[in-house]
Amino acid sequence: MTNIETKIHIPNDLRLTESRMNPFGRPKPKGKVPEEAGILMRTVFTLDALRIGQFAPELRNLRRELTDSHVLTGEGMSWSSLRRDINDLINFPGKSEQIGKRVSRLPILTLLLFIGFGVTGAAAVINIYVLRWAYPLSEVVIPGLIYMSAISTLRWHYEESIRSYYETSKPKAEKIKRINNQLIGRLIIVLQKAKYPLNDCYFALYNADYQNIHIKSKPRLYRGWYEVYPDPSVRQT
């Protein structure tokens, strides 16, 4: 298989996923899905996120997963052409060195933000219930709030610069939609061969205008994605 390379540098020891970083998490399939199906779902979600200018955490591992697996091989489709298309998409943030660096730093900033939240909350609880208000609550909470505000501001700045770059240079949404329709079709075949129930294979999408996708639930206040599962009877326009 042709190697898929990306120019984004992400530390190998930083193995965060959005499910861990988001307190509500993304929907997960019931039980254990075939390995190829898992890779396909992560690929579809990652490419779908690019349509709205979001760079999913899975982006950093996508090259390795697609290279090490046999997902983009088979008969009946132009997999070599599809590999080239996906290669262009996952390399997209790395076309700008500055944007590539900022994309790689976003998960670190998110982690620091959650650490700050946890430490501040723990310090407040210890001060109230263990130390019995040994220190004014403001002396415990305000430093944490300042820290989290600084991290949040920097993260917002990074996200806005990434979004601005994406809006001026983003790949065509229709191209991503076409690729994901092919991958979702492959996902259905993999699940059916494994006799895995399609309606148990939940995953997240920011856009729900693909073929063969059934919408289980729509975006809500605390999450920005649709919860879906593959369904060959659905034909979107």
C-alpha atoms as a PDB file:
ATOM      1  CA  MET A   1       0.000   0.000   0.000  1.00  0.00           C
ATOM      2  CA  THR A   2       1.164   3.526  -0.719  1.00  0.00           C
ATOM      3  CA  ASN A   3       2.405   5.180   2.447  1.00  0.00           C
ATOM      4  CA  ILE A   4       0.297   8.042   3.726  1.00  0.00           C
ATOM      5  CA  GLU A   5       2.431  10.694   5.358  1.00  0.00           C
ATOM      6  CA  THR A   6       1.516  13.791   7.301  1.00  0.00           C
ATOM      7  CA  LYS A   7       3.676  16.761   8.205  1.00  0.00           C
ATOM      8  CA  ILE A   8       1.985  17.391  11.554  1.00  0.00           C
ATOM      9  CA  HIS A   9       4.281  16.636  14.470  1.00  0.00           C
ATOM     10  CA  ILE A  10       2.497  15.231  17.510  1.00  0.00           C
ATOM     11  CA  PRO A  11       4.425  13.750  20.444  1.00  0.00           C
ATOM     12  CA  ASN A  12       4.222   9.960  20.350  1.00  0.00           C
ATOM     13  CA  ASP A  13       3.566   9.773  24.071  1.00  0.00           C
ATOM     14  CA  LEU A  14       0.513  12.019  23.872  1.00  0.00           C
ATOM     15  CA  ARG A  15      -2.280   9.542  23.205  1.00  0.00           C
ATOM     16  CA  LEU A  16      -5.356  11.614  23.981  1.00  0.00           C
ATOM     17  CA  THR A  17      -8.690  11.081  22.332  1.00  0.00           C
ATOM     18  CA  GLU A  18     -11.665  13.381  22.261  1.00  0.00           C
ATOM     19  CA  SER A  19     -13.707  10.786  24.138  1.00  0.00           C
ATOM     20  CA  ARG A  20     -11.333  11.173  27.089  1.00  0.00           C
ATOM     21  CA  MET A  21     -11.098  14.929  26.793  1.00  0.00           C
ATOM     22  CA  ASN A  22     -14.864  15.497  26.538  1.00  0.00           C
ATOM     23  CA  PRO A  23     -16.705  14.821  29.833  1.00  0.00           C
ATOM     24  CA  PHE A  24     -19.685  13.451  27.912  1.00  0.00           C
ATOM     25  CA  GLY A  25     -17.610  11.525  25.372  1.00  0.00           C
ATOM     26  CA  ARG A  26     -18.496  10.527  21.854  1.00  0.00           C
ATOM     27  CA  PRO A  27     -20.878   7.616  21.257  1.00  0.00           C
ATOM     28  CA  LYS A  28     -19.264   4.204  21.092  1.00  0.00           C
ATOM     29  CA  PRO A  29     -20.482   0.991  19.460  1.00  0.00           C
ATOM     30  CA  LYS A  30     -21.899  -1.737  21.647  1.00  0.00           C
ATOM     31  CA  GLY A  31     -19.491  -4.561  22.360  1.00  0.00           C
ATOM     32  CA  LYS A  32     -16.419  -5.142  20.238  1.00  0.00           C
ATOM     33  CA  VAL A  33     -16.474  -4.124  16.587  1.00  0.00           C
ATOM     34  CA  PRO A  34     -14.101  -5.537  13.955  1.00  0.00           C
ATOM     35  CA  GLU A  35     -10.765  -3.706  13.898  1.00  0.00           C
ATOM     36  CA  GLU A  36     -11.282  -2.573  10.315  1.00  0.00           C
ATOM     37  CA  ALA A  37     -14.696  -1.147  11.220  1.00  0.00           C
ATOM     38  CA  GLY A  38     -13.149   0.870  14.057  1.00  0.00           C
ATOM     39  CA  ILE A  39     -10.549   2.349  11.719  1.00  0.00           C
ATOM     40  CA  LEU A  40     -13.218   3.185   9.158  1.00  0.00           C
ATOM     41  CA  MET A  41     -15.367   4.966  11.748  1.00  0.00           C
ATOM     42  CA  ARG A  42     -12.422   7.010  13.002  1.00  0.00           C
ATOM     43  CA  THR A  43     -11.451   7.904   9.422  1.00  0.00           C
ATOM     44  CA  VAL A  44     -14.995   8.980   8.537  1.00  0.00           C
ATOM     45  CA  PHE A  45     -15.264  11.113  11.696  1.00  0.00           C
ATOM     46  CA  THR A  46     -11.853  12.718  11.148  1.00  0.00           C
ATOM     47  CA  LEU A  47     -12.558  13.639   7.520  1.00  0.00           C
ATOM     48  CA  ASP A  48     -16.073  14.789   8.401  1.00  0.00           C
ATOM     49  CA  ALA A  49     -14.630  17.153  11.024  1.00  0.00           C
ATOM     50  CA  LEU A  50     -12.489  18.780   8.332  1.00  0.00           C
ATOM     51  CA  ARG A  51     -15.679  19.917   6.610  1.00  0.00           C
ATOM     52  CA  ILE A  52     -16.377  22.305   9.487  1.00  0.00           C
ATOM     53  CA  GLY A  53     -12.771  23.324  10.108  1.00  0.00           C
ATOM     54  CA  GLN A  54     -12.186  20.980  13.054  1.00  0.00           C
ATOM     55  CA  PHE A  55      -9.077  18.822  13.380  1.00  0.00           C
ATOM     56  CA  ALA A  56     -10.056  15.714  15.333  1.00  0.00           C
ATOM     57  CA  PRO A  57      -7.522  14.070  17.694  1.00  0.00           C
ATOM     58  CA  GLU A  58      -7.643  10.974  15.470  1.00  0.00           C
ATOM     59  CA  LEU A  59      -5.934  12.966  12.709  1.00  0.00           C
ATOM     60  CA  ARG A  60      -2.498  12.393  14.235  1.00  0.00           C
ATOM     61  CA  ASN A  61      -2.904   8.596  14.171  1.00  0.00           C
ATOM     62  CA  LEU A  62      -4.751   8.302  10.881  1.00  0.00           C
ATOM     63  CA  ARG A  63      -1.618   7.911   8.754  1.00  0.00           C
ATOM     64  CA  ARG A  64      -0.308   5.019  10.838  1.00  0.00           C
ATOM     65  CA  GLU A  65      -3.671   3.247  11.039  1.00  0.00           C
ATOM     66  CA  LEU A  66      -4.324   3.421   7.313  1.00  0.00           C
ATOM     67  CA  THR A  67      -0.770   2.388   6.474  1.00  0.00           C
ATOM     68  CA  ASP A  68      -0.709  -0.569   8.873  1.00  0.00           C
ATOM     69  CA  SER A  69      -4.187  -1.850   8.021  1.00  0.00           C
ATOM     70  CA  HIS A  70      -5.796  -3.225   4.871  1.00  0.00           C
ATOM     71  CA  VAL A  71      -8.737  -0.820   4.977  1.00  0.00           C
ATOM     72  CA  LEU A  72      -7.996   0.849   1.642  1.00  0.00           C
ATOM     73  CA  THR A  73      -7.424  -2.303  -0.341  1.00  0.00           C
ATOM     74  CA  GLY A  74      -9.889  -4.489  -2.158  1.00  0.00           C
ATOM     75  CA  GLU A  75     -11.761  -5.000  -5.348  1.00  0.00           C
ATOM     76  CA  GLY A  76     -14.559  -3.049  -6.950  1.00  0.00           C
ATOM     77  CA  MET A  77     -13.307   0.438  -6.105  1.00  0.00           C
ATOM     78  CA  SER A  78     -10.406   2.663  -7.035  1.00  0.00           C
ATOM     79  CA  TRP A  79      -8.661   2.377  -3.658  1.00  0.00           C
ATOM     80  CA  SER A  80      -5.395   3.871  -4.945  1.00  0.00           C
ATOM     81  CA  SER A  81      -7.261   7.004  -6.001  1.00  0.00           C
ATOM     82  CA  LEU A  82      -9.063   7.081  -2.659  1.00  0.00           C
ATOM     83  CA  ARG A  83      -5.743   6.788  -0.819  1.00  0.00           C
ATOM     84  CA  ARG A  84      -4.395   9.794  -2.707  1.00  0.00           C
ATOM     85  CA  ASP A  85      -7.497  11.823  -1.890  1.00  0.00           C
ATOM     86  CA  ILE A  86      -7.293  10.974   1.823  1.00  0.00           C
ATOM     87  CA  ASN A  87      -3.561  11.666   1.790  1.00  0.00           C
ATOM     88  CA  ASP A  88      -4.232  15.189   0.543  1.00  0.00           C
ATOM     89  CA  LEU A  89      -6.844  15.748   3.228  1.00  0.00           C
ATOM     90  CA  ILE A  90      -4.874  14.529   6.243  1.00  0.00           C
ATOM     91  CA  ASN A  91      -1.849  16.522   5.070  1.00  0.00           C
ATOM     92  CA  PHE A  92      -3.954  19.666   4.768  1.00  0.00           C
ATOM     93  CA  PRO A  93      -3.096  21.293   8.152  1.00  0.00           C
ATOM     94  CA  GLY A  94       0.621  20.660   7.545  1.00  0.00           C
ATOM     95  CA  LYS A  95       0.611  22.828   4.421  1.00  0.00           C
ATOM     96  CA  SER A  96       1.164  25.735   6.806  1.00  0.00           C
ATOM     97  CA  GLU A  97       3.992  25.172   9.301  1.00  0.00           C
ATOM     98  CA  GLN A  98       2.453  27.573  11.818  1.00  0.00           C
ATOM     99  CA  ILE A  99      -1.006  26.026  11.565  1.00  0.00           C
ATOM    100  CA  GLY A 100       0.470  22.532  11.797  1.00  0.00           C
ATOM    101  CA  LYS A 101       2.175  23.435  15.065  1.00  0.00           C
ATOM    102  CA  ARG A 102      -0.989  24.956  16.474  1.00  0.00           C
ATOM    103  CA  VAL A 103      -3.038  21.904  15.555  1.00  0.00           C
ATOM    104  CA  SER A 104      -0.520  19.713  17.392  1.00  0.00           C
ATOM    105  CA  ARG A 105      -0.654  21.950  20.482  1.00  0.00           C
ATOM    106  CA  LEU A 106      -4.433  22.054  20.835  1.00  0.00           C
ATOM    107  CA  PRO A 107      -4.707  18.673  22.623  1.00  0.00           C
ATOM    108  CA  ILE A 108      -1.969  19.758  25.048  1.00  0.00           C
ATOM    109  CA  LEU A 109      -3.827  22.989  25.850  1.00  0.00           C
ATOM    110  CA  THR A 110      -7.041  21.040  26.342  1.00  0.00           C
ATOM    111  CA  LEU A 111      -5.268  18.680  28.734  1.00  0.00           C
ATOM    112  CA  LEU A 112      -3.806  21.613  30.685  1.00  0.00           C
ATOM    113  CA  LEU A 113      -7.263  23.154  30.901  1.00  0.00           C
ATOM    114  CA  PHE A 114      -8.771  19.983  32.378  1.00  0.00           C
ATOM    115  CA  ILE A 115      -5.856  19.632  34.787  1.00  0.00           C
ATOM    116  CA  GLY A 116      -6.399  23.215  35.952  1.00  0.00           C
ATOM    117  CA  PHE A 117     -10.103  22.548  36.428  1.00  0.00           C
ATOM    118  CA  GLY A 118      -9.417  19.371  38.395  1.00  0.00           C
ATOM    119  CA  VAL A 119      -6.715  20.870  40.611  1.00  0.00           C
ATOM    120  CA  THR A 120      -8.800  23.967  41.379  1.00  0.00           C
ATOM    121  CA  GLY A 121     -11.839  21.883  42.245  1.00  0.00           C
ATOM    122  CA  ALA A 122      -9.827  19.488  44.406  1.00  0.00           C
ATOM    123  CA  ALA A 123      -8.137  22.354  46.244  1.00  0.00           C
ATOM    124  CA  ALA A 124     -11.503  23.959  46.999  1.00  0.00           C
ATOM    125  CA  VAL A 125     -12.946  20.678  48.310  1.00  0.00           C
ATOM    126  CA  ILE A 126      -9.887  20.019  50.503  1.00  0.00           C
ATOM    127  CA  ASN A 127     -10.015  23.560  51.871  1.00  0.00           C
ATOM    128  CA  ILE A 128     -13.710  23.251  52.751  1.00  0.00           C
ATOM    129  CA  TYR A 129     -14.009  19.677  54.037  1.00  0.00           C
ATOM    130  CA  VAL A 130     -10.483  18.794  55.241  1.00  0.00           C
ATOM    131  CA  LEU A 131      -8.869  22.066  56.297  1.00  0.00           C
ATOM    132  CA  ARG A 132     -12.204  23.537  57.449  1.00  0.00           C
ATOM    133  CA  TRP A 133     -11.826  26.873  55.633  1.00  0.00           C
ATOM    134  CA  ALA A 134      -8.195  27.347  56.646  1.00  0.00           C
ATOM    135  CA  TYR A 135      -7.857  29.748  53.694  1.00  0.00           C
ATOM    136  CA  PRO A 136     -10.372  32.150  52.156  1.00  0.00           C
ATOM    137  CA  LEU A 137     -12.010  30.430  49.218  1.00  0.00           C
ATOM    138  CA  SER A 138     -10.949  33.266  46.930  1.00  0.00           C
ATOM    139  CA  GLU A 139      -7.263  32.516  47.587  1.00  0.00           C
ATOM    140  CA  VAL A 140      -7.834  28.936  46.476  1.00  0.00           C
ATOM    141  CA  VAL A 141     -10.127  29.483  43.505  1.00  0.00           C
ATOM    142  CA  ILE A 142      -8.980  32.761  41.923  1.00  0.00           C
ATOM    143  CA  PRO A 143      -5.451  31.573  40.959  1.00  0.00           C
ATOM    144  CA  GLY A 144      -7.016  28.543  39.284  1.00  0.00           C
ATOM    145  CA  LEU A 145      -9.523  30.694  37.424  1.00  0.00           C
ATOM    146  CA  ILE A 146      -6.742  32.981  36.193  1.00  0.00           C
ATOM    147  CA  TYR A 147      -4.750  29.968  34.990  1.00  0.00           C
ATOM    148  CA  MET A 148      -7.747  28.454  33.199  1.00  0.00           C
ATOM    149  CA  SER A 149      -8.681  31.794  31.641  1.00  0.00           C
ATOM    150  CA  ALA A 150      -5.169  32.182  30.231  1.00  0.00           C
ATOM    151  CA  ILE A 151      -5.183  28.672  28.775  1.00  0.00           C
ATOM    152  CA  SER A 152      -8.700  29.149  27.382  1.00  0.00           C
ATOM    153  CA  THR A 153      -7.731  32.425  25.741  1.00  0.00           C
ATOM    154  CA  LEU A 154      -4.670  30.904  24.102  1.00  0.00           C
ATOM    155  CA  ARG A 155      -6.668  27.900  22.954  1.00  0.00           C
ATOM    156  CA  TRP A 156      -9.371  30.173  21.496  1.00  0.00           C
ATOM    157  CA  HIS A 157      -6.696  32.151  19.651  1.00  0.00           C
ATOM    158  CA  TYR A 158      -5.272  28.953  18.161  1.00  0.00           C
ATOM    159  CA  GLU A 159      -8.712  27.685  17.167  1.00  0.00           C
ATOM    160  CA  GLU A 160      -9.636  30.974  15.503  1.00  0.00           C
ATOM    161  CA  SER A 161      -6.396  31.105  13.509  1.00  0.00           C
ATOM    162  CA  ILE A 162      -6.919  27.488  12.404  1.00  0.00           C
ATOM    163  CA  ARG A 163     -10.527  28.194  11.470  1.00  0.00           C
ATOM    164  CA  SER A 164      -9.543  31.300   9.535  1.00  0.00           C
ATOM    165  CA  TYR A 165      -6.868  29.379   7.621  1.00  0.00           C
ATOM    166  CA  TYR A 166      -9.312  26.586   6.919  1.00  0.00           C
ATOM    167  CA  GLU A 167     -12.023  28.944   5.659  1.00  0.00           C
ATOM    168  CA  THR A 168      -9.659  30.505   3.128  1.00  0.00           C
ATOM    169  CA  SER A 169      -7.982  27.280   2.003  1.00  0.00           C
ATOM    170  CA  LYS A 170     -10.290  24.416   2.998  1.00  0.00           C
ATOM    171  CA  PRO A 171     -10.692  21.325   0.844  1.00  0.00           C
ATOM    172  CA  LYS A 172     -13.946  21.088  -1.056  1.00  0.00           C
ATOM    173  CA  ALA A 173     -16.707  19.767   1.168  1.00  0.00           C
ATOM    174  CA  GLU A 174     -18.156  17.734  -1.689  1.00  0.00           C
ATOM    175  CA  LYS A 175     -14.867  15.877  -2.091  1.00  0.00           C
ATOM    176  CA  ILE A 176     -14.874  14.865   1.574  1.00  0.00           C
ATOM    177  CA  LYS A 177     -18.534  13.896   1.332  1.00  0.00           C
ATOM    178  CA  ARG A 178     -17.812  11.659  -1.669  1.00  0.00           C
ATOM    179  CA  ILE A 179     -14.908   9.944   0.105  1.00  0.00           C
ATOM    180  CA  ASN A 180     -16.913   9.378   3.287  1.00  0.00           C
ATOM    181  CA  ASN A 181     -19.824   7.915   1.325  1.00  0.00           C
ATOM    182  CA  GLN A 182     -17.385   5.337  -0.059  1.00  0.00           C
ATOM    183  CA  LEU A 183     -15.931   4.596   3.368  1.00  0.00           C
ATOM    184  CA  ILE A 184     -19.378   4.247   4.968  1.00  0.00           C
ATOM    185  CA  GLY A 185     -20.309   1.778   2.242  1.00  0.00           C
ATOM    186  CA  ARG A 186     -17.168  -0.196   3.055  1.00  0.00           C
ATOM    187  CA  LEU A 187     -18.042  -0.024   6.768  1.00  0.00           C
ATOM    188  CA  ILE A 188     -21.429  -1.634   6.129  1.00  0.00           C
ATOM    189  CA  ILE A 189     -19.813  -4.478   4.176  1.00  0.00           C
ATOM    190  CA  VAL A 190     -17.264  -5.099   6.964  1.00  0.00           C
ATOM    191  CA  LEU A 191     -19.966  -5.148   9.658  1.00  0.00           C
ATOM    192  CA  GLN A 192     -22.271  -7.413   7.672  1.00  0.00           C
ATOM    193  CA  LYS A 193     -19.451  -9.899   7.019  1.00  0.00           C
ATOM    194  CA  ALA A 194     -18.713  -9.946  10.756  1.00  0.00           C
ATOM    195  CA  LYS A 195     -22.467 -10.326  11.489  1.00  0.00           C
ATOM    196  CA  TYR A 196     -22.298  -7.262  13.728  1.00  0.00           C
ATOM    197  CA  PRO A 197     -25.683  -5.500  14.147  1.00  0.00           C
ATOM    198  CA  LEU A 198     -25.553  -2.243  12.192  1.00  0.00           C
ATOM    199  CA  ASN A 199     -27.854  -0.422  14.625  1.00  0.00           C
ATOM    200  CA  ASP A 200     -25.393  -1.131  17.457  1.00  0.00           C
ATOM    201  CA  CYS A 201     -22.539   0.577  15.625  1.00  0.00           C
ATOM    202  CA  TYR A 202     -22.926   4.104  16.986  1.00  0.00           C
ATOM    203  CA  PHE A 203     -20.485   6.852  16.094  1.00  0.00           C
ATOM    204  CA  ALA A 204     -20.385  10.637  15.818  1.00  0.00           C
ATOM    205  CA  LEU A 205     -20.585  12.943  12.806  1.00  0.00           C
ATOM    206  CA  TYR A 206     -20.727  16.730  12.560  1.00  0.00           C
ATOM    207  CA  ASN A 207     -22.591  16.454   9.238  1.00  0.00           C
ATOM    208  CA  ALA A 208     -25.366  13.967   8.618  1.00  0.00           C
ATOM    209  CA  ASP A 209     -25.886  14.375   4.869  1.00  0.00           C
ATOM    210  CA  TYR A 210     -24.188  11.126   3.889  1.00  0.00           C
ATOM    211  CA  GLN A 211     -25.734   8.083   2.261  1.00  0.00           C
ATOM    212  CA  ASN A 212     -26.362   4.956   4.334  1.00  0.00           C
ATOM    213  CA  ILE A 213     -26.466   6.840   7.653  1.00  0.00           C
ATOM    214  CA  HIS A 214     -29.345   6.744  10.129  1.00  0.00           C
ATOM    215  CA  ILE A 215     -29.559   9.614  12.635  1.00  0.00           C
ATOM    216  CA  LYS A 216     -30.116   8.304  16.161  1.00  0.00           C
ATOM    217  CA  SER A 217     -29.941  11.704  17.860  1.00  0.00           C
ATOM    218  CA  LYS A 218     -29.204  15.280  16.825  1.00  0.00           C
ATOM    219  CA  PRO A 219     -26.658  17.738  18.294  1.00  0.00           C
ATOM    220  CA  ARG A 220     -27.503  19.089  21.729  1.00  0.00           C
ATOM    221  CA  LEU A 221     -26.354  21.865  24.024  1.00  0.00           C
ATOM    222  CA  TYR A 222     -23.496  19.820  25.501  1.00  0.00           C
ATOM    223  CA  ARG A 223     -22.293  18.212  22.269  1.00  0.00           C
ATOM    224  CA  GLY A 224     -21.981  19.417  18.714  1.00  0.00           C
ATOM    225  CA  TRP A 225     -22.362  16.185  16.765  1.00  0.00           C
ATOM    226  CA  TYR A 226     -24.987  13.782  15.501  1.00  0.00           C
ATOM    227  CA  GLU A 227     -25.119  10.262  16.888  1.00  0.00           C
ATOM    228  CA  VAL A 228     -25.538   7.929  13.929  1.00  0.00           C
ATOM    229  CA  TYR A 229     -25.258   4.337  12.801  1.00  0.00           C
ATOM    230  CA  PRO A 230     -24.862   2.820   9.315  1.00  0.00           C
ATOM    231  CA  ASP A 231     -28.058   1.886   7.516  1.00  0.00           C
ATOM    232  CA  PRO A 232     -27.997   0.770   3.851  1.00  0.00           C
ATOM    233  CA  SER A 233     -31.677   1.689   3.436  1.00  0.00           C
ATOM    234  CA  VAL A 234     -31.037   5.438   3.896  1.00  0.00           C
ATOM    235  CA  ARG A 235     -30.309   7.566   0.828  1.00  0.00           C
ATOM    236  CA  GLN A 236     -29.451  11.193   1.494  1.00  0.00           C
ATOM    237  CA  THR A 237     -29.594  13.816  -1.248  1.00  0.00           C
END
